[in-house]
Structure formats: C-alpha cells, structure tokens
Protein backbone atom coordinates (compact mmCIF):
# COMPACT_ATOMS: atom_id res chain seq x y z
CA UNK A 1 -21.49 -8.76 3.78
CA UNK A 2 -22.36 -5.11 4.07
CA UNK A 3 -19.65 -2.74 2.93
CA UNK A 4 -18.41 -0.39 5.61
CA UNK A 5 -16.15 2.61 5.43
CA UNK A 6 -13.19 0.41 6.39
CA UNK A 7 -13.81 -1.93 3.44
CA UNK A 8 -14.60 0.77 0.92
CA UNK A 9 -12.46 0.57 -2.23
CA UNK A 10 -11.66 4.26 -1.78
CA UNK A 11 -10.33 3.70 1.73
CA UNK A 12 -8.33 0.68 0.62
CA UNK A 13 -6.81 2.62 -2.28
CA UNK A 14 -5.78 5.36 0.13
CA UNK A 15 -4.16 2.87 2.50
CA UNK A 16 -2.32 1.24 -0.40
CA UNK A 17 -1.03 4.57 -1.67
CA UNK A 18 0.05 5.61 1.83
CA UNK A 19 1.87 2.33 2.44
CA UNK A 20 3.74 2.49 -0.88
CA UNK A 21 4.72 6.12 -0.35
CA UNK A 22 5.95 5.44 3.19
CA UNK A 23 8.03 2.47 2.06
CA UNK A 24 9.61 4.56 -0.67
CA UNK A 25 10.23 7.75 1.28
CA UNK A 26 10.47 7.05 5.01
CA UNK A 27 13.55 4.89 5.19
CA UNK A 28 11.53 2.31 7.13
CA UNK A 29 11.32 -1.31 6.10
CA UNK A 30 8.19 -3.03 4.79
CA UNK A 31 7.76 -4.89 8.11
CA UNK A 32 7.96 -1.59 10.04
CA UNK A 33 5.42 0.13 7.78
CA UNK A 34 3.17 -2.93 7.91
CA UNK A 35 3.23 -2.88 11.69
CA UNK A 36 2.63 0.89 11.83
CA UNK A 37 -0.40 0.65 9.52
CA UNK A 38 -1.67 -2.67 10.93
CA UNK A 39 -1.24 -4.46 7.59
CA UNK A 40 0.14 -7.83 6.65
CA UNK A 41 3.65 -7.78 5.25
CA UNK A 42 2.45 -9.82 2.29
CA UNK A 43 -0.09 -7.17 1.31
CA UNK A 44 2.35 -4.30 1.73
CA UNK A 45 5.03 -6.06 -0.34
CA UNK A 46 2.52 -6.84 -3.10
CA UNK A 47 1.35 -3.21 -3.21
CA UNK A 48 4.93 -1.91 -3.43
CA UNK A 49 5.73 -4.44 -6.17
CA UNK A 50 2.57 -3.44 -8.07
CA UNK A 51 3.48 0.24 -7.66
CA UNK A 52 6.92 -0.45 -9.12
CA UNK A 53 5.40 -2.22 -12.10
CA UNK A 54 2.85 0.56 -12.64
CA UNK A 55 5.60 3.21 -12.49
CA UNK A 56 7.55 1.44 -15.25
CA UNK A 57 4.58 0.77 -17.51
CA UNK A 58 2.76 4.09 -17.06
CA UNK A 59 2.48 6.10 -20.27
CA UNK A 60 4.21 9.42 -20.50
C-alpha cells in the first residue's frame, strides 16, 4: 500500500495530539471529540490513556 498524506506518521501524530488536547481542554466527551474528528472512540480513548501514562512517566 502506498503511503499517502492521510496515512503519514506525521499526520497521525498530529491528529493524536489534537484529539488528546481537545479531550483534556474542551469539556467535550471522548465520543463527541471522536465524532468531530471522524475517529473511532476506541482509538481516541487509547490515545488519551497513552497520553496520561506518558505524562506520568516523562522525565523532568
């Protein structure tokens, strides 16, 4: 499969970061953010969970 802009790791990382930030700061629920960004709830929840883990384990 040829990689397109939509499947680029850089684009995906940006979408992940945006989804996590919106869940944390917008007051919207994961299902609402998922719908707004055309994501699955499962993916959005996993990204938020991973972001929480990374925030706790990050050095500094």
